[in-house]
Amino acid sequence: MIIDTHAHFVPQTMLDDVVSAKAHFDNIEVLREDKVFKLAFMGGAPTRPIMPKLRELETREAWVTENGIDIQVSGGWLDSFAYNVPADEGAAWSRFMNEHLLEQMRAKPFMEPLATVPMQDGKLAADVLG
């Protein structure tokens, strides 16, 4: 069995929920221009583009299959963690990301999720995992 132990994933459903206003965060913005998505935190500069291989399950599944990988352990993408937002909002964002990661990966047995936590507050980070 071949296991990829280090991969990143930003669920497209998560981005869509913010763009469509199904989810709202005061200091987190999803920017969309055509098929290009970026995040912005605290009114700052946008992140690097969130490329299709980073956010689309079908693209990921094709790549994993082509490369003979049986299981891929995937956490969020470093540019998506929002460590600079207020701690309470960071905890809500971490929970939101974790829920989307888990939901998307349940449908794909080749993927295993890694949770994210709000590193700006140790107690809240432990609470998110609890």
N, C-alpha and C. Protein backbone atom coordinates (compact mmCIF):
# COMPACT_ATOMS: atom_id res chain seq x y z
N MET A 1 0.84 -1.17 0.00
CA MET A 1 0.00 0.00 0.00
C MET A 1 0.90 1.25 0.00
N ILE A 2 0.58 2.18 -0.87
CA ILE A 2 1.33 3.43 -0.96
C ILE A 2 0.50 4.54 -0.32
N ILE A 3 1.10 5.21 0.68
CA ILE A 3 0.42 6.29 1.40
C ILE A 3 1.21 7.58 1.24
N ASP A 4 0.54 8.60 0.71
CA ASP A 4 1.10 9.94 0.62
C ASP A 4 0.76 10.63 1.94
N THR A 5 1.77 10.89 2.77
CA THR A 5 1.52 11.41 4.11
C THR A 5 1.56 12.92 4.22
N HIS A 6 1.74 13.60 3.11
CA HIS A 6 1.85 15.06 3.18
C HIS A 6 1.23 15.68 1.93
N ALA A 7 -0.03 16.09 2.08
CA ALA A 7 -0.72 16.74 0.98
C ALA A 7 -1.62 17.84 1.54
N HIS A 8 -1.99 18.76 0.70
CA HIS A 8 -2.84 19.88 1.11
C HIS A 8 -4.09 19.88 0.25
N PHE A 9 -5.19 20.33 0.84
CA PHE A 9 -6.47 20.35 0.14
C PHE A 9 -7.32 21.48 0.68
N VAL A 10 -7.93 22.24 -0.21
CA VAL A 10 -8.88 23.29 0.14
C VAL A 10 -10.18 22.94 -0.58
N PRO A 11 -11.16 22.42 0.14
CA PRO A 11 -12.39 21.98 -0.53
C PRO A 11 -13.09 23.11 -1.30
N GLN A 12 -13.41 22.83 -2.54
CA GLN A 12 -14.15 23.80 -3.35
C GLN A 12 -15.46 24.16 -2.68
N THR A 13 -16.09 23.21 -2.02
CA THR A 13 -17.36 23.48 -1.35
C THR A 13 -17.20 24.54 -0.27
N MET A 14 -16.07 24.55 0.41
CA MET A 14 -15.80 25.55 1.43
C MET A 14 -15.72 26.94 0.81
N LEU A 15 -14.99 27.05 -0.28
CA LEU A 15 -14.87 28.34 -0.97
C LEU A 15 -16.24 28.80 -1.47
N ASP A 16 -17.00 27.86 -2.04
CA ASP A 16 -18.32 28.19 -2.56
C ASP A 16 -19.25 28.70 -1.46
N ASP A 17 -19.16 28.10 -0.27
CA ASP A 17 -20.02 28.53 0.83
C ASP A 17 -19.72 29.97 1.26
N VAL A 18 -18.47 30.37 1.20
CA VAL A 18 -18.13 31.75 1.55
C VAL A 18 -18.54 32.70 0.42
N VAL A 19 -18.26 32.33 -0.82
CA VAL A 19 -18.62 33.18 -1.96
C VAL A 19 -20.14 33.40 -2.01
N SER A 20 -20.91 32.35 -1.74
CA SER A 20 -22.37 32.45 -1.83
C SER A 20 -23.00 33.03 -0.56
N ALA A 21 -22.18 33.34 0.43
CA ALA A 21 -22.62 33.90 1.72
C ALA A 21 -23.38 32.89 2.57
N LYS A 22 -23.24 31.58 2.28
CA LYS A 22 -23.79 30.57 3.19
C LYS A 22 -23.02 30.59 4.50
N ALA A 23 -21.79 31.05 4.44
CA ALA A 23 -20.96 31.19 5.64
C ALA A 23 -20.35 32.59 5.60
N HIS A 24 -20.25 33.22 6.76
CA HIS A 24 -19.71 34.58 6.82
C HIS A 24 -18.64 34.68 7.91
N PHE A 25 -17.55 35.29 7.55
CA PHE A 25 -16.47 35.58 8.49
C PHE A 25 -16.08 37.03 8.28
N ASP A 26 -16.05 37.81 9.34
CA ASP A 26 -15.80 39.24 9.23
C ASP A 26 -14.46 39.59 8.60
N ASN A 27 -13.44 38.81 8.88
CA ASN A 27 -12.08 39.15 8.46
C ASN A 27 -11.49 38.19 7.43
N ILE A 28 -12.36 37.40 6.82
CA ILE A 28 -11.90 36.42 5.82
C ILE A 28 -12.73 36.61 4.57
N GLU A 29 -12.05 36.74 3.46
CA GLU A 29 -12.73 36.96 2.19
C GLU A 29 -12.22 35.97 1.16
N VAL A 30 -13.16 35.40 0.40
CA VAL A 30 -12.79 34.56 -0.74
C VAL A 30 -12.98 35.41 -1.98
N LEU A 31 -11.90 35.59 -2.71
CA LEU A 31 -11.92 36.39 -3.94
C LEU A 31 -11.99 35.44 -5.13
N ARG A 32 -12.87 35.74 -6.04
CA ARG A 32 -13.02 34.88 -7.22
C ARG A 32 -13.01 35.74 -8.47
N GLU A 33 -12.17 35.34 -9.42
CA GLU A 33 -12.12 35.98 -10.72
C GLU A 33 -12.09 34.86 -11.74
N ASP A 34 -13.19 34.67 -12.44
CA ASP A 34 -13.37 33.52 -13.32
C ASP A 34 -13.19 32.24 -12.51
N LYS A 35 -12.21 31.41 -12.86
CA LYS A 35 -11.99 30.16 -12.15
C LYS A 35 -10.82 30.23 -11.17
N VAL A 36 -10.38 31.45 -10.88
CA VAL A 36 -9.26 31.64 -9.97
C VAL A 36 -9.80 32.10 -8.61
N PHE A 37 -9.41 31.38 -7.56
CA PHE A 37 -9.81 31.72 -6.20
C PHE A 37 -8.59 32.12 -5.40
N LYS A 38 -8.78 33.10 -4.52
CA LYS A 38 -7.75 33.53 -3.57
C LYS A 38 -8.45 33.84 -2.26
N LEU A 39 -7.69 33.84 -1.19
CA LEU A 39 -8.20 34.24 0.12
C LEU A 39 -7.53 35.55 0.53
N ALA A 40 -8.23 36.32 1.35
CA ALA A 40 -7.65 37.52 1.94
C ALA A 40 -8.09 37.57 3.40
N PHE A 41 -7.16 37.95 4.27
CA PHE A 41 -7.42 38.00 5.70
C PHE A 41 -7.16 39.39 6.24
N MET A 42 -8.05 39.85 7.08
CA MET A 42 -7.90 41.14 7.76
C MET A 42 -7.71 42.30 6.77
N GLY A 43 -8.32 42.21 5.60
CA GLY A 43 -8.21 43.26 4.60
C GLY A 43 -6.86 43.33 3.92
N GLY A 44 -6.02 42.32 4.14
CA GLY A 44 -4.68 42.31 3.57
C GLY A 44 -4.64 41.83 2.12
N ALA A 45 -3.44 41.70 1.63
CA ALA A 45 -3.23 41.25 0.25
C ALA A 45 -3.73 39.82 0.08
N PRO A 46 -4.21 39.49 -1.11
CA PRO A 46 -4.69 38.13 -1.36
C PRO A 46 -3.56 37.10 -1.33
N THR A 47 -3.94 35.87 -1.05
CA THR A 47 -3.00 34.76 -1.08
C THR A 47 -2.65 34.41 -2.53
N ARG A 48 -1.79 33.45 -2.65
CA ARG A 48 -1.53 32.89 -3.98
C ARG A 48 -2.81 32.24 -4.48
N PRO A 49 -2.95 32.05 -5.79
CA PRO A 49 -4.16 31.40 -6.31
C PRO A 49 -4.30 29.97 -5.76
N ILE A 50 -5.53 29.59 -5.50
CA ILE A 50 -5.83 28.23 -5.06
C ILE A 50 -6.09 27.43 -6.33
N MET A 51 -5.07 26.73 -6.78
CA MET A 51 -5.12 26.05 -8.07
C MET A 51 -6.10 24.88 -8.06
N PRO A 52 -6.62 24.48 -9.22
CA PRO A 52 -7.59 23.37 -9.29
C PRO A 52 -7.12 22.09 -8.62
N LYS A 53 -5.85 21.73 -8.76
CA LYS A 53 -5.35 20.50 -8.13
C LYS A 53 -5.41 20.58 -6.61
N LEU A 54 -5.50 21.77 -6.08
CA LEU A 54 -5.55 21.98 -4.64
C LEU A 54 -6.98 21.96 -4.10
N ARG A 55 -7.98 22.12 -4.97
CA ARG A 55 -9.35 22.29 -4.50
C ARG A 55 -10.40 21.39 -5.15
N GLU A 56 -10.10 20.77 -6.25
CA GLU A 56 -11.10 19.97 -6.96
C GLU A 56 -10.87 18.48 -6.72
N LEU A 57 -11.88 17.81 -6.17
CA LEU A 57 -11.75 16.39 -5.85
C LEU A 57 -11.48 15.52 -7.07
N GLU A 58 -12.15 15.80 -8.16
CA GLU A 58 -11.98 14.97 -9.36
C GLU A 58 -10.54 15.06 -9.89
N THR A 59 -10.00 16.26 -9.87
CA THR A 59 -8.62 16.47 -10.31
C THR A 59 -7.67 15.73 -9.39
N ARG A 60 -7.91 15.82 -8.09
CA ARG A 60 -7.07 15.14 -7.09
C ARG A 60 -7.16 13.63 -7.27
N GLU A 61 -8.36 13.12 -7.44
CA GLU A 61 -8.53 11.67 -7.58
C GLU A 61 -7.81 11.15 -8.82
N ALA A 62 -7.88 11.87 -9.91
CA ALA A 62 -7.18 11.46 -11.14
C ALA A 62 -5.67 11.43 -10.90
N TRP A 63 -5.14 12.45 -10.24
CA TRP A 63 -3.70 12.51 -9.98
C TRP A 63 -3.25 11.36 -9.08
N VAL A 64 -4.01 11.12 -8.01
CA VAL A 64 -3.68 10.04 -7.07
C VAL A 64 -3.69 8.69 -7.80
N THR A 65 -4.70 8.47 -8.62
CA THR A 65 -4.82 7.22 -9.37
C THR A 65 -3.66 7.06 -10.34
N GLU A 66 -3.36 8.11 -11.09
CA GLU A 66 -2.25 8.07 -12.06
C GLU A 66 -0.92 7.76 -11.40
N ASN A 67 -0.76 8.18 -10.16
CA ASN A 67 0.51 8.00 -9.46
C ASN A 67 0.54 6.77 -8.55
N GLY A 68 -0.49 5.95 -8.61
CA GLY A 68 -0.51 4.70 -7.86
C GLY A 68 -0.57 4.87 -6.35
N ILE A 69 -1.17 5.95 -5.91
CA ILE A 69 -1.28 6.21 -4.47
C ILE A 69 -2.59 5.61 -3.97
N ASP A 70 -2.51 4.86 -2.88
CA ASP A 70 -3.70 4.23 -2.31
C ASP A 70 -4.43 5.15 -1.35
N ILE A 71 -3.69 5.86 -0.51
CA ILE A 71 -4.28 6.77 0.48
C ILE A 71 -3.45 8.05 0.51
N GLN A 72 -4.16 9.16 0.61
CA GLN A 72 -3.48 10.45 0.73
C GLN A 72 -3.99 11.15 1.99
N VAL A 73 -3.08 11.47 2.90
CA VAL A 73 -3.41 12.21 4.12
C VAL A 73 -3.30 13.69 3.75
N SER A 74 -4.44 14.39 3.84
CA SER A 74 -4.49 15.78 3.38
C SER A 74 -5.01 16.71 4.45
N GLY A 75 -4.25 17.76 4.68
CA GLY A 75 -4.69 18.84 5.56
C GLY A 75 -4.94 20.08 4.74
N GLY A 76 -5.31 21.14 5.40
CA GLY A 76 -5.52 22.40 4.69
C GLY A 76 -4.24 22.91 4.07
N TRP A 77 -4.35 24.01 3.39
CA TRP A 77 -3.23 24.64 2.71
C TRP A 77 -2.71 25.77 3.60
N LEU A 78 -1.43 25.93 3.70
CA LEU A 78 -0.84 26.92 4.61
C LEU A 78 -1.42 28.32 4.42
N ASP A 79 -1.70 28.70 3.20
CA ASP A 79 -2.24 30.03 2.93
C ASP A 79 -3.70 30.17 3.38
N SER A 80 -4.32 29.09 3.83
CA SER A 80 -5.75 29.14 4.18
C SER A 80 -6.02 29.15 5.67
N PHE A 81 -5.01 29.09 6.53
CA PHE A 81 -5.24 28.88 7.95
C PHE A 81 -5.72 30.10 8.73
N ALA A 82 -5.53 31.29 8.24
CA ALA A 82 -6.04 32.51 8.88
C ALA A 82 -5.52 32.70 10.30
N TYR A 83 -4.25 32.48 10.50
CA TYR A 83 -3.67 32.64 11.84
C TYR A 83 -3.63 34.09 12.31
N ASN A 84 -3.86 35.03 11.41
CA ASN A 84 -3.79 36.44 11.80
C ASN A 84 -5.15 37.06 12.12
N VAL A 85 -6.23 36.30 12.04
CA VAL A 85 -7.54 36.84 12.41
C VAL A 85 -7.73 36.70 13.92
N PRO A 86 -8.69 37.43 14.52
CA PRO A 86 -8.93 37.27 15.95
C PRO A 86 -9.17 35.79 16.32
N ALA A 87 -8.76 35.42 17.51
CA ALA A 87 -8.76 34.01 17.92
C ALA A 87 -10.13 33.34 17.81
N ASP A 88 -11.19 34.00 18.24
CA ASP A 88 -12.52 33.39 18.16
C ASP A 88 -12.93 33.12 16.71
N GLU A 89 -12.63 34.07 15.84
CA GLU A 89 -12.94 33.89 14.43
C GLU A 89 -12.03 32.80 13.83
N GLY A 90 -10.79 32.75 14.29
CA GLY A 90 -9.88 31.70 13.83
C GLY A 90 -10.38 30.32 14.22
N ALA A 91 -10.95 30.21 15.43
CA ALA A 91 -11.50 28.92 15.87
C ALA A 91 -12.71 28.54 15.01
N ALA A 92 -13.56 29.51 14.73
CA ALA A 92 -14.73 29.23 13.87
C ALA A 92 -14.29 28.84 12.47
N TRP A 93 -13.28 29.52 11.94
CA TRP A 93 -12.74 29.20 10.61
C TRP A 93 -12.13 27.80 10.60
N SER A 94 -11.38 27.45 11.63
CA SER A 94 -10.79 26.11 11.71
C SER A 94 -11.88 25.04 11.73
N ARG A 95 -12.92 25.25 12.53
CA ARG A 95 -14.03 24.29 12.56
C ARG A 95 -14.70 24.18 11.19
N PHE A 96 -14.89 25.33 10.55
CA PHE A 96 -15.51 25.38 9.22
C PHE A 96 -14.66 24.61 8.21
N MET A 97 -13.36 24.85 8.23
CA MET A 97 -12.46 24.12 7.32
C MET A 97 -12.49 22.62 7.62
N ASN A 98 -12.40 22.26 8.89
CA ASN A 98 -12.37 20.85 9.27
C ASN A 98 -13.65 20.13 8.86
N GLU A 99 -14.79 20.78 9.04
CA GLU A 99 -16.06 20.18 8.63
C GLU A 99 -16.08 19.93 7.13
N HIS A 100 -15.59 20.89 6.35
CA HIS A 100 -15.57 20.71 4.89
C HIS A 100 -14.57 19.63 4.47
N LEU A 101 -13.42 19.61 5.11
CA LEU A 101 -12.44 18.56 4.79
C LEU A 101 -13.04 17.19 5.06
N LEU A 102 -13.64 17.02 6.22
CA LEU A 102 -14.22 15.73 6.59
C LEU A 102 -15.36 15.36 5.65
N GLU A 103 -16.23 16.30 5.37
CA GLU A 103 -17.37 16.03 4.49
C GLU A 103 -16.89 15.60 3.10
N GLN A 104 -15.95 16.31 2.54
CA GLN A 104 -15.47 15.98 1.20
C GLN A 104 -14.73 14.65 1.16
N MET A 105 -13.96 14.37 2.20
CA MET A 105 -13.14 13.16 2.19
C MET A 105 -13.92 11.91 2.55
N ARG A 106 -15.06 12.06 3.19
CA ARG A 106 -15.91 10.90 3.46
C ARG A 106 -16.33 10.22 2.16
N ALA A 107 -16.52 11.01 1.13
CA ALA A 107 -16.96 10.49 -0.16
C ALA A 107 -15.81 9.88 -0.96
N LYS A 108 -14.60 10.06 -0.50
CA LYS A 108 -13.42 9.59 -1.24
C LYS A 108 -12.56 8.74 -0.32
N PRO A 109 -12.68 7.43 -0.40
CA PRO A 109 -11.94 6.56 0.53
C PRO A 109 -10.42 6.64 0.40
N PHE A 110 -9.92 7.25 -0.65
CA PHE A 110 -8.47 7.37 -0.81
C PHE A 110 -7.90 8.55 -0.03
N MET A 111 -8.78 9.39 0.55
CA MET A 111 -8.31 10.57 1.27
C MET A 111 -8.61 10.46 2.77
N GLU A 112 -7.64 10.90 3.58
CA GLU A 112 -7.80 10.97 5.03
C GLU A 112 -7.52 12.41 5.46
N PRO A 113 -8.42 13.01 6.24
CA PRO A 113 -8.25 14.42 6.60
C PRO A 113 -7.33 14.63 7.80
N LEU A 114 -6.63 15.75 7.77
CA LEU A 114 -5.86 16.26 8.91
C LEU A 114 -6.52 17.57 9.33
N ALA A 115 -6.86 17.69 10.59
CA ALA A 115 -7.54 18.89 11.09
C ALA A 115 -6.58 20.07 11.18
N THR A 116 -7.15 21.25 11.17
CA THR A 116 -6.40 22.47 11.45
C THR A 116 -6.95 23.08 12.73
N VAL A 117 -6.14 23.86 13.40
CA VAL A 117 -6.55 24.52 14.64
C VAL A 117 -6.10 25.98 14.61
N PRO A 118 -6.74 26.83 15.42
CA PRO A 118 -6.35 28.24 15.47
C PRO A 118 -5.09 28.41 16.33
N MET A 119 -3.96 28.51 15.70
CA MET A 119 -2.69 28.60 16.41
C MET A 119 -2.54 29.89 17.21
N GLN A 120 -3.44 30.86 17.00
CA GLN A 120 -3.33 32.11 17.73
C GLN A 120 -3.77 31.98 19.20
N ASP A 121 -4.35 30.83 19.58
CA ASP A 121 -4.79 30.64 20.96
C ASP A 121 -4.75 29.15 21.29
N GLY A 122 -3.85 28.75 22.17
CA GLY A 122 -3.67 27.34 22.51
C GLY A 122 -4.92 26.68 23.08
N LYS A 123 -5.64 27.38 23.96
CA LYS A 123 -6.84 26.81 24.54
C LYS A 123 -7.91 26.58 23.47
N LEU A 124 -8.11 27.58 22.61
CA LEU A 124 -9.09 27.41 21.52
C LEU A 124 -8.64 26.29 20.57
N ALA A 125 -7.34 26.18 20.33
CA ALA A 125 -6.85 25.11 19.47
C ALA A 125 -7.23 23.76 20.06
N ALA A 126 -7.03 23.59 21.37
CA ALA A 126 -7.40 22.33 22.03
C ALA A 126 -8.92 22.13 21.97
N ASP A 127 -9.69 23.19 22.13
CA ASP A 127 -11.14 23.09 22.07
C ASP A 127 -11.61 22.63 20.68
N VAL A 128 -10.97 23.13 19.64
CA VAL A 128 -11.35 22.74 18.27
C VAL A 128 -11.15 21.24 18.08
N LEU A 129 -10.10 20.71 18.65
CA LEU A 129 -9.84 19.27 18.53
C LEU A 129 -10.75 18.43 19.41
N GLY A 130 -11.28 19.04 20.49
CA GLY A 130 -12.09 18.31 21.47
C GLY A 130 -13.43 18.01 21.02
